[in-house]
């Protein structure tokens, strides 16, 4: 199991998506609706992705692959990876991460919508 650390940017992105999902959940409960909103579904998938990264960053459902356009925050010669939080939808999201700074640590660099 890995310990997770976050860049400031990634933490802000995660917290913003979580806050939006909570607001929509509260609104849905007030209106007595049962169907999840898009923001709630996205955050659920994002939380699952983060949990899978913690336990097994090579899990097949993450579809982890090397990503060349971002620099590693600790070692410019090391690799940065992208994992799918959601795919095959217009609202697809990616989680960019790397190993480090310690051996048992994964750093989440960014959470972004797929272009």
PDB file of N, CA and C in Angstrom:
ATOM      1  N   UNK A   1       0.841  -1.179   0.000  1.00  0.00           N
ATOM      2  CA  UNK A   1       0.000   0.000   0.000  1.00  0.00           C
ATOM      3  C   UNK A   1       0.890   1.248   0.000  1.00  0.00           C
ATOM      4  N   UNK A   2       0.527   2.211  -0.805  1.00  0.00           N
ATOM      5  CA  UNK A   2       1.300   3.439  -0.920  1.00  0.00           C
ATOM      6  C   UNK A   2       0.681   4.546  -0.070  1.00  0.00           C
ATOM      7  N   UNK A   3       1.527   5.447   0.350  1.00  0.00           N
ATOM      8  CA  UNK A   3       1.081   6.658   1.018  1.00  0.00           C
ATOM      9  C   UNK A   3       0.897   7.701  -0.070  1.00  0.00           C
ATOM     10  N   UNK A   4      -0.202   8.468  -0.009  1.00  0.00           N
ATOM     11  CA  UNK A   4      -0.456   9.473  -1.027  1.00  0.00           C
ATOM     12  C   UNK A   4      -0.077  10.857  -0.534  1.00  0.00           C
ATOM     13  N   UNK A   5       0.564  11.618  -1.401  1.00  0.00           N
ATOM     14  CA  UNK A   5       0.775  13.041  -1.163  1.00  0.00           C
ATOM     15  C   UNK A   5       0.190  13.767  -2.373  1.00  0.00           C
ATOM     16  N   UNK A   6      -0.080  15.028  -2.193  1.00  0.00           N
ATOM     17  CA  UNK A   6      -0.747  15.817  -3.223  1.00  0.00           C
ATOM     18  C   UNK A   6       0.027  17.103  -3.457  1.00  0.00           C
ATOM     19  N   UNK A   7       0.094  17.528  -4.708  1.00  0.00           N
ATOM     20  CA  UNK A   7       0.573  18.882  -4.963  1.00  0.00           C
ATOM     21  C   UNK A   7      -0.569  19.823  -4.578  1.00  0.00           C
ATOM     22  N   UNK A   8      -0.255  21.087  -4.382  1.00  0.00           N
ATOM     23  CA  UNK A   8      -1.293  22.051  -4.023  1.00  0.00           C
ATOM     24  C   UNK A   8      -2.372  22.109  -5.104  1.00  0.00           C
ATOM     25  N   UNK A   9      -1.923  22.087  -6.348  1.00  0.00           N
ATOM     26  CA  UNK A   9      -2.858  22.143  -7.477  1.00  0.00           C
ATOM     27  C   UNK A   9      -3.817  20.951  -7.460  1.00  0.00           C
ATOM     28  N   UNK A  10      -3.299  19.753  -7.271  1.00  0.00           N
ATOM     29  CA  UNK A  10      -4.127  18.547  -7.273  1.00  0.00           C
ATOM     30  C   UNK A  10      -5.091  18.549  -6.101  1.00  0.00           C
ATOM     31  N   UNK A  11      -4.626  18.980  -4.940  1.00  0.00           N
ATOM     32  CA  UNK A  11      -5.486  19.021  -3.757  1.00  0.00           C
ATOM     33  C   UNK A  11      -6.643  19.994  -3.976  1.00  0.00           C
ATOM     34  N   UNK A  12      -6.357  21.150  -4.553  1.00  0.00           N
ATOM     35  CA  UNK A  12      -7.410  22.126  -4.835  1.00  0.00           C
ATOM     36  C   UNK A  12      -8.422  21.570  -5.834  1.00  0.00           C
ATOM     37  N   UNK A  13      -7.953  20.892  -6.862  1.00  0.00           N
ATOM     38  CA  UNK A  13      -8.841  20.315  -7.859  1.00  0.00           C
ATOM     39  C   UNK A  13      -9.733  19.242  -7.238  1.00  0.00           C
ATOM     40  N   UNK A  14      -9.143  18.382  -6.421  1.00  0.00           N
ATOM     41  CA  UNK A  14      -9.899  17.317  -5.757  1.00  0.00           C
ATOM     42  C   UNK A  14     -10.951  17.909  -4.829  1.00  0.00           C
ATOM     43  N   UNK A  15     -10.548  18.880  -4.021  1.00  0.00           N
ATOM     44  CA  UNK A  15     -11.476  19.494  -3.069  1.00  0.00           C
ATOM     45  C   UNK A  15     -12.593  20.253  -3.771  1.00  0.00           C
ATOM     46  N   UNK A  16     -12.304  20.889  -4.901  1.00  0.00           N
ATOM     47  CA  UNK A  16     -13.347  21.604  -5.648  1.00  0.00           C
ATOM     48  C   UNK A  16     -14.381  20.619  -6.209  1.00  0.00           C
ATOM     49  N   UNK A  17     -13.916  19.501  -6.750  1.00  0.00           N
ATOM     50  CA  UNK A  17     -14.836  18.487  -7.267  1.00  0.00           C
ATOM     51  C   UNK A  17     -15.646  17.849  -6.140  1.00  0.00           C
ATOM     52  N   UNK A  18     -15.013  17.649  -4.995  1.00  0.00           N
ATOM     53  CA  UNK A  18     -15.718  17.090  -3.840  1.00  0.00           C
ATOM     54  C   UNK A  18     -16.782  18.056  -3.340  1.00  0.00           C
ATOM     55  N   UNK A  19     -16.456  19.330  -3.249  1.00  0.00           N
ATOM     56  CA  UNK A  19     -17.411  20.334  -2.770  1.00  0.00           C
ATOM     57  C   UNK A  19     -18.618  20.422  -3.702  1.00  0.00           C
ATOM     58  N   UNK A  20     -18.379  20.382  -4.992  1.00  0.00           N
ATOM     59  CA  UNK A  20     -19.484  20.435  -5.956  1.00  0.00           C
ATOM     60  C   UNK A  20     -20.379  19.208  -5.809  1.00  0.00           C
ATOM     61  N   UNK A  21     -19.782  18.045  -5.647  1.00  0.00           N
ATOM     62  CA  UNK A  21     -20.559  16.816  -5.473  1.00  0.00           C
ATOM     63  C   UNK A  21     -21.387  16.870  -4.191  1.00  0.00           C
ATOM     64  N   UNK A  22     -20.805  17.402  -3.114  1.00  0.00           N
ATOM     65  CA  UNK A  22     -21.554  17.521  -1.847  1.00  0.00           C
ATOM     66  C   UNK A  22     -22.734  18.481  -1.981  1.00  0.00           C
ATOM     67  N   UNK A  23     -22.509  19.624  -2.662  1.00  0.00           N
ATOM     68  CA  UNK A  23     -23.604  20.584  -2.861  1.00  0.00           C
ATOM     69  C   UNK A  23     -24.741  19.948  -3.652  1.00  0.00           C
ATOM     70  N   UNK A  24     -24.393  19.232  -4.707  1.00  0.00           N
ATOM     71  CA  UNK A  24     -25.429  18.604  -5.519  1.00  0.00           C
ATOM     72  C   UNK A  24     -26.126  17.468  -4.778  1.00  0.00           C
ATOM     73  N   UNK A  25     -25.393  16.758  -3.939  1.00  0.00           N
ATOM     74  CA  UNK A  25     -26.004  15.718  -3.114  1.00  0.00           C
ATOM     75  C   UNK A  25     -27.020  16.330  -2.159  1.00  0.00           C
ATOM     76  N   UNK A  26     -26.623  17.425  -1.494  1.00  0.00           N
ATOM     77  CA  UNK A  26     -27.542  18.097  -0.569  1.00  0.00           C
ATOM     78  C   UNK A  26     -28.783  18.612  -1.286  1.00  0.00           C
ATOM     79  N   UNK A  27     -28.603  19.205  -2.464  1.00  0.00           N
ATOM     80  CA  UNK A  27     -29.741  19.694  -3.250  1.00  0.00           C
ATOM     81  C   UNK A  27     -30.652  18.540  -3.667  1.00  0.00           C
ATOM     82  N   UNK A  28     -30.055  17.442  -4.055  1.00  0.00           N
ATOM     83  CA  UNK A  28     -30.834  16.278  -4.481  1.00  0.00           C
ATOM     84  C   UNK A  28     -31.647  15.714  -3.322  1.00  0.00           C
ATOM     85  N   UNK A  29     -31.059  15.674  -2.142  1.00  0.00           N
ATOM     86  CA  UNK A  29     -31.780  15.169  -0.964  1.00  0.00           C
ATOM     87  C   UNK A  29     -32.929  16.083  -0.586  1.00  0.00           C
ATOM     88  N   UNK A  30     -32.692  17.414  -0.677  1.00  0.00           N
ATOM     89  CA  UNK A  30     -33.764  18.365  -0.357  1.00  0.00           C
ATOM     90  C   UNK A  30     -34.952  18.203  -1.304  1.00  0.00           C
ATOM     91  N   UNK A  31     -34.673  17.885  -2.559  1.00  0.00           N
ATOM     92  CA  UNK A  31     -35.728  17.719  -3.564  1.00  0.00           C
ATOM     93  C   UNK A  31     -36.295  16.302  -3.589  1.00  0.00           C
ATOM     94  N   UNK A  32     -35.750  15.438  -2.737  1.00  0.00           N
ATOM     95  CA  UNK A  32     -36.182  14.046  -2.638  1.00  0.00           C
ATOM     96  C   UNK A  32     -36.028  13.310  -3.975  1.00  0.00           C
ATOM     97  N   UNK A  33     -34.875  13.482  -4.603  1.00  0.00           N
ATOM     98  CA  UNK A  33     -34.548  12.803  -5.858  1.00  0.00           C
ATOM     99  C   UNK A  33     -33.588  11.659  -5.564  1.00  0.00           C
ATOM    100  N   UNK A  34     -33.691  10.597  -6.320  1.00  0.00           N
ATOM    101  CA  UNK A  34     -32.816   9.444  -6.069  1.00  0.00           C
ATOM    102  C   UNK A  34     -31.683   9.328  -7.081  1.00  0.00           C
ATOM    103  N   UNK A  35     -31.855   9.903  -8.265  1.00  0.00           N
ATOM    104  CA  UNK A  35     -30.843   9.755  -9.308  1.00  0.00           C
ATOM    105  C   UNK A  35     -29.639  10.662  -9.036  1.00  0.00           C
ATOM    106  N   UNK A  36     -28.441  10.067  -9.111  1.00  0.00           N
ATOM    107  CA  UNK A  36     -27.206  10.822  -8.883  1.00  0.00           C
ATOM    108  C   UNK A  36     -27.002  11.859  -9.979  1.00  0.00           C
ATOM    109  N   UNK A  37     -26.365  12.962  -9.613  1.00  0.00           N
ATOM    110  CA  UNK A  37     -26.008  13.979 -10.599  1.00  0.00           C
ATOM    111  C   UNK A  37     -24.667  13.613 -11.232  1.00  0.00           C
ATOM    112  N   UNK A  38     -24.317  14.315 -12.310  1.00  0.00           N
ATOM    113  CA  UNK A  38     -23.040  14.064 -12.969  1.00  0.00           C
ATOM    114  C   UNK A  38     -21.867  14.342 -12.033  1.00  0.00           C
ATOM    115  N   UNK A  39     -21.953  15.415 -11.257  1.00  0.00           N
ATOM    116  CA  UNK A  39     -20.859  15.761 -10.338  1.00  0.00           C
ATOM    117  C   UNK A  39     -20.673  14.689  -9.262  1.00  0.00           C
ATOM    118  N   UNK A  40     -21.766  14.138  -8.779  1.00  0.00           N
ATOM    119  CA  UNK A  40     -21.668  13.070  -7.781  1.00  0.00           C
ATOM    120  C   UNK A  40     -21.025  11.821  -8.380  1.00  0.00           C
ATOM    121  N   UNK A  41     -21.446  11.464  -9.582  1.00  0.00           N
ATOM    122  CA  UNK A  41     -20.876  10.292 -10.243  1.00  0.00           C
ATOM    123  C   UNK A  41     -19.398  10.473 -10.544  1.00  0.00           C
ATOM    124  N   UNK A  42     -19.031  11.662 -11.005  1.00  0.00           N
ATOM    125  CA  UNK A  42     -17.625  11.946 -11.285  1.00  0.00           C
ATOM    126  C   UNK A  42     -16.790  11.829 -10.021  1.00  0.00           C
ATOM    127  N   UNK A  43     -17.260  12.418  -8.920  1.00  0.00           N
ATOM    128  CA  UNK A  43     -16.465  12.360  -7.694  1.00  0.00           C
ATOM    129  C   UNK A  43     -16.362  10.930  -7.172  1.00  0.00           C
ATOM    130  N   UNK A  44     -17.415  10.150  -7.299  1.00  0.00           N
ATOM    131  CA  UNK A  44     -17.349   8.748  -6.870  1.00  0.00           C
ATOM    132  C   UNK A  44     -16.270   8.006  -7.663  1.00  0.00           C
ATOM    133  N   UNK A  45     -16.230   8.221  -8.974  1.00  0.00           N
ATOM    134  CA  UNK A  45     -15.225   7.567  -9.813  1.00  0.00           C
ATOM    135  C   UNK A  45     -13.821   8.084  -9.495  1.00  0.00           C
ATOM    136  N   UNK A  46     -13.714   9.366  -9.222  1.00  0.00           N
ATOM    137  CA  UNK A  46     -12.422   9.950  -8.874  1.00  0.00           C
ATOM    138  C   UNK A  46     -11.914   9.382  -7.550  1.00  0.00           C
ATOM    139  N   UNK A  47     -12.786   9.273  -6.560  1.00  0.00           N
ATOM    140  CA  UNK A  47     -12.392   8.704  -5.267  1.00  0.00           C
ATOM    141  C   UNK A  47     -11.953   7.243  -5.427  1.00  0.00           C
ATOM    142  N   UNK A  48     -12.645   6.498  -6.287  1.00  0.00           N
ATOM    143  CA  UNK A  48     -12.258   5.104  -6.536  1.00  0.00           C
ATOM    144  C   UNK A  48     -10.878   5.037  -7.196  1.00  0.00           C
ATOM    145  N   UNK A  49     -10.621   5.942  -8.132  1.00  0.00           N
ATOM    146  CA  UNK A  49      -9.322   5.980  -8.801  1.00  0.00           C
ATOM    147  C   UNK A  49      -8.209   6.250  -7.803  1.00  0.00           C
ATOM    148  N   UNK A  50      -8.417   7.220  -6.925  1.00  0.00           N
ATOM    149  CA  UNK A  50      -7.409   7.553  -5.917  1.00  0.00           C
ATOM    150  C   UNK A  50      -7.182   6.357  -4.988  1.00  0.00           C
ATOM    151  N   UNK A  51      -8.240   5.681  -4.612  1.00  0.00           N
ATOM    152  CA  UNK A  51      -8.102   4.505  -3.746  1.00  0.00           C
ATOM    153  C   UNK A  51      -7.346   3.377  -4.456  1.00  0.00           C
ATOM    154  N   UNK A  52      -7.627   3.164  -5.741  1.00  0.00           N
ATOM    155  CA  UNK A  52      -6.892   2.139  -6.494  1.00  0.00           C
ATOM    156  C   UNK A  52      -5.423   2.504  -6.638  1.00  0.00           C
ATOM    157  N   UNK A  53      -5.136   3.791  -6.833  1.00  0.00           N
ATOM    158  CA  UNK A  53      -3.729   4.210  -6.905  1.00  0.00           C
ATOM    159  C   UNK A  53      -3.006   3.891  -5.604  1.00  0.00           C
ATOM    160  N   UNK A  54      -3.681   4.083  -4.498  1.00  0.00           N
ATOM    161  CA  UNK A  54      -3.081   3.818  -3.189  1.00  0.00           C
ATOM    162  C   UNK A  54      -2.776   2.340  -3.016  1.00  0.00           C
ATOM    163  N   UNK A  55      -3.683   1.491  -3.479  1.00  0.00           N
ATOM    164  CA  UNK A  55      -3.511   0.056  -3.242  1.00  0.00           C
ATOM    165  C   UNK A  55      -2.763  -0.663  -4.361  1.00  0.00           C
ATOM    166  N   UNK A  56      -3.013  -0.257  -5.623  1.00  0.00           N
ATOM    167  CA  UNK A  56      -2.384  -0.951  -6.750  1.00  0.00           C
ATOM    168  C   UNK A  56      -2.358  -0.026  -7.962  1.00  0.00           C
ATOM    169  N   UNK A  57      -1.295   0.755  -8.123  1.00  0.00           N
ATOM    170  CA  UNK A  57      -1.256   1.691  -9.248  1.00  0.00           C
ATOM    171  C   UNK A  57      -1.218   1.018 -10.620  1.00  0.00           C
ATOM    172  N   UNK A  58      -1.046  -0.290 -10.659  1.00  0.00           N
ATOM    173  CA  UNK A  58      -1.055  -1.019 -11.936  1.00  0.00           C
ATOM    174  C   UNK A  58      -2.379  -1.737 -12.185  1.00  0.00           C
ATOM    175  N   UNK A  59      -3.395  -1.391 -11.426  1.00  0.00           N
ATOM    176  CA  UNK A  59      -4.703  -2.031 -11.591  1.00  0.00           C
ATOM    177  C   UNK A  59      -5.194  -1.798 -13.029  1.00  0.00           C
ATOM    178  N   UNK A  60      -5.696  -2.856 -13.690  1.00  0.00           N
ATOM    179  CA  UNK A  60      -6.092  -2.732 -15.095  1.00  0.00           C
ATOM    180  C   UNK A  60      -7.139  -1.649 -15.369  1.00  0.00           C
ATOM    181  N   UNK A  61      -8.061  -1.429 -14.458  1.00  0.00           N
ATOM    182  CA  UNK A  61      -9.111  -0.446 -14.723  1.00  0.00           C
ATOM    183  C   UNK A  61      -8.586   0.993 -14.743  1.00  0.00           C
ATOM    184  N   UNK A  62      -7.410   1.230 -14.172  1.00  0.00           N
ATOM    185  CA  UNK A  62      -6.830   2.571 -14.207  1.00  0.00           C
ATOM    186  C   UNK A  62      -6.271   2.913 -15.586  1.00  0.00           C
ATOM    187  N   UNK A  63      -5.941   1.898 -16.344  1.00  0.00           N
ATOM    188  CA  UNK A  63      -5.331   2.074 -17.662  1.00  0.00           C
ATOM    189  C   UNK A  63      -4.154   3.056 -17.574  1.00  0.00           C
ATOM    190  N   UNK A  64      -3.306   2.824 -16.588  1.00  0.00           N
ATOM    191  CA  UNK A  64      -2.157   3.690 -16.336  1.00  0.00           C
ATOM    192  C   UNK A  64      -1.172   3.637 -17.489  1.00  0.00           C
ATOM    193  N   UNK A  65      -0.690   4.806 -17.873  1.00  0.00           N
ATOM    194  CA  UNK A  65       0.307   4.892 -18.932  1.00  0.00           C
ATOM    195  C   UNK A  65       1.225   6.084 -18.675  1.00  0.00           C
ATOM    196  N   UNK A  66       2.411   6.014 -19.242  1.00  0.00           N
ATOM    197  CA  UNK A  66       3.378   7.089 -19.075  1.00  0.00           C
ATOM    198  C   UNK A  66       2.865   8.336 -19.801  1.00  0.00           C
ATOM    199  N   UNK A  67       3.093   9.480 -19.171  1.00  0.00           N
ATOM    200  CA  UNK A  67       2.642  10.745 -19.736  1.00  0.00           C
ATOM    201  C   UNK A  67       3.855  11.649 -19.885  1.00  0.00           C
ATOM    202  N   UNK A  68       4.104  12.130 -21.069  1.00  0.00           N
ATOM    203  CA  UNK A  68       5.333  12.870 -21.361  1.00  0.00           C
ATOM    204  C   UNK A  68       5.228  14.383 -21.187  1.00  0.00           C
ATOM    205  N   UNK A  69       4.032  14.944 -21.149  1.00  0.00           N
ATOM    206  CA  UNK A  69       3.886  16.402 -21.180  1.00  0.00           C
ATOM    207  C   UNK A  69       4.022  17.092 -19.825  1.00  0.00           C
ATOM    208  N   UNK A  70       4.107  16.339 -18.756  1.00  0.00           N
ATOM    209  CA  UNK A  70       4.285  16.925 -17.426  1.00  0.00           C
ATOM    210  C   UNK A  70       5.651  16.548 -16.878  1.00  0.00           C
ATOM    211  N   UNK A  71       6.249  17.473 -16.153  1.00  0.00           N
ATOM    212  CA  UNK A  71       7.540  17.199 -15.516  1.00  0.00           C
ATOM    213  C   UNK A  71       7.335  16.581 -14.147  1.00  0.00           C
ATOM    214  N   UNK A  72       8.197  15.640 -13.828  1.00  0.00           N
ATOM    215  CA  UNK A  72       8.214  15.026 -12.501  1.00  0.00           C
ATOM    216  C   UNK A  72       8.629  16.100 -11.497  1.00  0.00           C
ATOM    217  N   UNK A  73       7.897  16.274 -10.390  1.00  0.00           N
ATOM    218  CA  UNK A  73       8.223  17.360  -9.463  1.00  0.00           C
ATOM    219  C   UNK A  73       9.494  17.148  -8.642  1.00  0.00           C
ATOM    220  N   UNK A  74      10.018  15.920  -8.574  1.00  0.00           N
ATOM    221  CA  UNK A  74      11.170  15.643  -7.729  1.00  0.00           C
ATOM    222  C   UNK A  74      12.418  15.252  -8.511  1.00  0.00           C
ATOM    223  N   UNK A  75      12.231  14.648  -9.678  1.00  0.00           N
ATOM    224  CA  UNK A  75      13.353  14.134 -10.460  1.00  0.00           C
ATOM    225  C   UNK A  75      12.995  14.240 -11.940  1.00  0.00           C
ATOM    226  N   UNK A  76      13.604  15.157 -12.648  1.00  0.00           N
ATOM    227  CA  UNK A  76      13.240  15.400 -14.045  1.00  0.00           C
ATOM    228  C   UNK A  76      13.487  14.207 -14.959  1.00  0.00           C
ATOM    229  N   UNK A  77      14.294  13.257 -14.525  1.00  0.00           N
ATOM    230  CA  UNK A  77      14.536  12.073 -15.348  1.00  0.00           C
ATOM    231  C   UNK A  77      13.536  10.944 -15.056  1.00  0.00           C
ATOM    232  N   UNK A  78      12.709  11.088 -14.029  1.00  0.00           N
ATOM    233  CA  UNK A  78      11.742  10.056 -13.657  1.00  0.00           C
ATOM    234  C   UNK A  78      10.446  10.228 -14.457  1.00  0.00           C
ATOM    235  N   UNK A  79       9.616   9.211 -14.429  1.00  0.00           N
ATOM    236  CA  UNK A  79       8.398   9.178 -15.227  1.00  0.00           C
ATOM    237  C   UNK A  79       7.196   9.745 -14.468  1.00  0.00           C
ATOM    238  N   UNK A  80       6.295  10.340 -15.234  1.00  0.00           N
ATOM    239  CA  UNK A  80       4.987  10.774 -14.750  1.00  0.00           C
ATOM    240  C   UNK A  80       3.961   9.899 -15.452  1.00  0.00           C
ATOM    241  N   UNK A  81       2.914   9.515 -14.741  1.00  0.00           N
ATOM    242  CA  UNK A  81       1.900   8.616 -15.281  1.00  0.00           C
ATOM    243  C   UNK A  81       0.532   9.284 -15.275  1.00  0.00           C
ATOM    244  N   UNK A  82      -0.315   8.811 -16.158  1.00  0.00           N
ATOM    245  CA  UNK A  82      -1.703   9.237 -16.195  1.00  0.00           C
ATOM    246  C   UNK A  82      -2.585   8.030 -15.966  1.00  0.00           C
ATOM    247  N   UNK A  83      -3.644   8.221 -15.204  1.00  0.00           N
ATOM    248  CA  UNK A  83      -4.610   7.152 -14.953  1.00  0.00           C
ATOM    249  C   UNK A  83      -6.003   7.685 -15.258  1.00  0.00           C
ATOM    250  N   UNK A  84      -6.855   6.811 -15.720  1.00  0.00           N
ATOM    251  CA  UNK A  84      -8.218   7.214 -16.059  1.00  0.00           C
ATOM    252  C   UNK A  84      -9.078   7.226 -14.803  1.00  0.00           C
ATOM    253  N   UNK A  85      -9.757   8.341 -14.567  1.00  0.00           N
ATOM    254  CA  UNK A  85     -10.777   8.375 -13.525  1.00  0.00           C
ATOM    255  C   UNK A  85     -12.140   8.164 -14.169  1.00  0.00           C
ATOM    256  N   UNK A  86     -12.221   8.563 -15.425  1.00  0.00           N
ATOM    257  CA  UNK A  86     -13.443   8.387 -16.202  1.00  0.00           C
ATOM    258  C   UNK A  86     -13.015   8.433 -17.660  1.00  0.00           C
ATOM    259  N   UNK A  87     -13.567   7.597 -18.475  1.00  0.00           N
ATOM    260  CA  UNK A  87     -13.203   7.605 -19.885  1.00  0.00           C
ATOM    261  C   UNK A  87     -14.404   7.236 -20.738  1.00  0.00           C
ATOM    262  N   UNK A  88     -14.248   7.446 -22.033  1.00  0.00           N
ATOM    263  CA  UNK A  88     -15.297   7.183 -23.019  1.00  0.00           C
ATOM    264  C   UNK A  88     -16.567   7.982 -22.753  1.00  0.00           C
ATOM    265  N   UNK A  89     -16.415   9.158 -22.176  1.00  0.00           N
ATOM    266  CA  UNK A  89     -17.542  10.056 -21.962  1.00  0.00           C
ATOM    267  C   UNK A  89     -17.073  11.475 -22.269  1.00  0.00           C
ATOM    268  N   UNK A  90     -17.992  12.380 -22.544  1.00  0.00           N
ATOM    269  CA  UNK A  90     -17.587  13.764 -22.764  1.00  0.00           C
ATOM    270  C   UNK A  90     -16.938  14.393 -21.531  1.00  0.00           C
ATOM    271  N   UNK A  91     -17.252  13.905 -20.347  1.00  0.00           N
ATOM    272  CA  UNK A  91     -16.675  14.450 -19.119  1.00  0.00           C
ATOM    273  C   UNK A  91     -15.535  13.611 -18.576  1.00  0.00           C
ATOM    274  N   UNK A  92     -14.695  13.092 -19.465  1.00  0.00           N
ATOM    275  CA  UNK A  92     -13.601  12.215 -19.047  1.00  0.00           C
ATOM    276  C   UNK A  92     -12.583  12.980 -18.204  1.00  0.00           C
ATOM    277  N   UNK A  93     -12.054  12.343 -17.177  1.00  0.00           N
ATOM    278  CA  UNK A  93     -11.051  12.943 -16.296  1.00  0.00           C
ATOM    279  C   UNK A  93      -9.833  12.046 -16.195  1.00  0.00           C
ATOM    280  N   UNK A  94      -8.689  12.672 -15.949  1.00  0.00           N
ATOM    281  CA  UNK A  94      -7.422  11.972 -15.773  1.00  0.00           C
ATOM    282  C   UNK A  94      -6.770  12.405 -14.466  1.00  0.00           C
ATOM    283  N   UNK A  95      -6.062  11.462 -13.859  1.00  0.00           N
ATOM    284  CA  UNK A  95      -5.272  11.745 -12.664  1.00  0.00           C
ATOM    285  C   UNK A  95      -3.812  11.528 -13.046  1.00  0.00           C
ATOM    286  N   UNK A  96      -3.004  12.574 -12.890  1.00  0.00           N
ATOM    287  CA  UNK A  96      -1.577  12.482 -13.210  1.00  0.00           C
ATOM    288  C   UNK A  96      -0.813  12.324 -11.904  1.00  0.00           C
ATOM    289  N   UNK A  97       0.120  11.368 -11.903  1.00  0.00           N
ATOM    290  CA  UNK A  97       0.811  11.032 -10.661  1.00  0.00           C
ATOM    291  C   UNK A  97       2.219  10.541 -10.955  1.00  0.00           C
ATOM    292  N   UNK A  98       2.992  10.431  -9.883  1.00  0.00           N
ATOM    293  CA  UNK A  98       4.362   9.930 -10.001  1.00  0.00           C
ATOM    294  C   UNK A  98       4.736   9.236  -8.693  1.00  0.00           C
ATOM    295  N   UNK A  99       5.784   8.435  -8.760  1.00  0.00           N
ATOM    296  CA  UNK A  99       6.331   7.832  -7.551  1.00  0.00           C
ATOM    297  C   UNK A  99       7.242   8.852  -6.888  1.00  0.00           C
ATOM    298  N   UNK A 100       7.180   8.934  -5.576  1.00  0.00           N
ATOM    299  CA  UNK A 100       8.103   9.798  -4.854  1.00  0.00           C
ATOM    300  C   UNK A 100       7.376  10.807  -4.005  1.00  0.00           C
ATOM    301  N   UNK A 101       8.038  11.503  -3.159  1.00  0.00           N
ATOM    302  CA  UNK A 101       9.479  11.608  -3.022  1.00  0.00           C
ATOM    303  C   UNK A 101      10.113  10.411  -2.310  1.00  0.00           C
ATOM    304  N   UNK A 102       9.326   9.637  -1.566  1.00  0.00           N
ATOM    305  CA  UNK A 102       9.858   8.457  -0.881  1.00  0.00           C
ATOM    306  C   UNK A 102       9.479   7.205  -1.658  1.00  0.00           C
ATOM    307  N   UNK A 103      10.113   6.113  -1.295  1.00  0.00           N
ATOM    308  CA  UNK A 103       9.920   4.849  -2.003  1.00  0.00           C
ATOM    309  C   UNK A 103       8.476   4.344  -1.927  1.00  0.00           C
ATOM    310  N   UNK A 104       7.814   4.540  -0.805  1.00  0.00           N
ATOM    311  CA  UNK A 104       6.452   4.035  -0.614  1.00  0.00           C
ATOM    312  C   UNK A 104       5.397   5.114  -0.815  1.00  0.00           C
ATOM    313  N   UNK A 105       5.715   6.146  -1.579  1.00  0.00           N
ATOM    314  CA  UNK A 105       4.833   7.295  -1.741  1.00  0.00           C
ATOM    315  C   UNK A 105       4.485   7.515  -3.209  1.00  0.00           C
ATOM    316  N   UNK A 106       3.225   7.849  -3.428  1.00  0.00           N
ATOM    317  CA  UNK A 106       2.755   8.304  -4.733  1.00  0.00           C
ATOM    318  C   UNK A 106       2.299   9.744  -4.557  1.00  0.00           C
ATOM    319  N   UNK A 107       2.744  10.612  -5.459  1.00  0.00           N
ATOM    320  CA  UNK A 107       2.341  12.010  -5.440  1.00  0.00           C
ATOM    321  C   UNK A 107       1.357  12.263  -6.580  1.00  0.00           C
ATOM    322  N   UNK A 108       0.195  12.747  -6.237  1.00  0.00           N
ATOM    323  CA  UNK A 108      -0.787  13.116  -7.246  1.00  0.00           C
ATOM    324  C   UNK A 108      -0.475  14.542  -7.671  1.00  0.00           C
ATOM    325  N   UNK A 109      -0.201  14.695  -8.961  1.00  0.00           N
ATOM    326  CA  UNK A 109       0.252  15.974  -9.492  1.00  0.00           C
ATOM    327  C   UNK A 109      -0.912  16.845  -9.941  1.00  0.00           C
ATOM    328  N   UNK A 110      -1.877  16.248 -10.638  1.00  0.00           N
ATOM    329  CA  UNK A 110      -3.004  17.026 -11.162  1.00  0.00           C
ATOM    330  C   UNK A 110      -4.187  16.127 -11.444  1.00  0.00           C
ATOM    331  N   UNK A 111      -5.365  16.721 -11.411  1.00  0.00           N
ATOM    332  CA  UNK A 111      -6.618  16.045 -11.788  1.00  0.00           C
ATOM    333  C   UNK A 111      -7.250  16.969 -12.818  1.00  0.00           C
ATOM    334  N   UNK A 112      -7.375  16.484 -14.039  1.00  0.00           N
ATOM    335  CA  UNK A 112      -7.857  17.362 -15.099  1.00  0.00           C
ATOM    336  C   UNK A 112      -8.875  16.678 -16.003  1.00  0.00           C
ATOM    337  N   UNK A 113      -9.756  17.477 -16.605  1.00  0.00           N
ATOM    338  CA  UNK A 113     -10.628  16.897 -17.624  1.00  0.00           C
ATOM    339  C   UNK A 113      -9.794  16.564 -18.854  1.00  0.00           C
ATOM    340  N   UNK A 114     -10.161  15.503 -19.516  1.00  0.00           N
ATOM    341  CA  UNK A 114      -9.450  15.112 -20.735  1.00  0.00           C
ATOM    342  C   UNK A 114      -9.863  16.068 -21.853  1.00  0.00           C
ATOM    343  N   UNK A 115      -8.898  16.560 -22.604  1.00  0.00           N
ATOM    344  CA  UNK A 115      -9.250  17.520 -23.663  1.00  0.00           C
ATOM    345  C   UNK A 115     -10.090  16.918 -24.769  1.00  0.00           C
TER     346      UNK A 115
END
